[in-house]
């Protein structure tokens, strides 16, 4: 099964991640959230145990993002090879292999997929600064994001990252996301 966890949300003690994600989804629906940056799906599928601890979805067309991904790849290869790096900009990117996270959703905020520690075969989807924290922990740099333990600092970091995610394309010399999506659709239509 796949449970979707939004940043800052997690299962309460004794509650399964799937139940927590369903509660989060219904809370978002009650709030009237229709933002495409918030996953609006809860997939159920049985998965065999996975050999990785994190699937990190990244945009290889973002030069700043790729600098960080390169550092993480290098550190991960020197340690445990526990992170799978998935390039959402690759034409062969398949949402079905990544908990249904489509290109547009992946481009709006960083996503990480991790196996549940409590329920074998269950995958959790994480977004935002929590993804960075998990990746840095896995490469031995968890202390970099330890400030997220302080609620007000996590709130500030989340706001800063969300602002960055909204403007990162133009800041890195690329067109707005809507233009990128239209171009991608045009390329896909031409290829069919």
Foldseek 3Di string as FASTA:
>chain_A
DEAEDEPPFADDPPGDSNVSRVVVLVVCVVVVDPDLLGDNDRDDDFAAADQAFKEKEDAPVQVVRVVVVVVLVVLLVVPPVRYHYHHLNPPPDDCVVVVNQHSLNCLLWIKMKGADPPDGRYIYIYTDPVNVLVSCVSSPNNVVPPVCVDPVVVVVRRVVRNVCSQCSQVVRPHDHPVVVVVVVVVVVVVVD
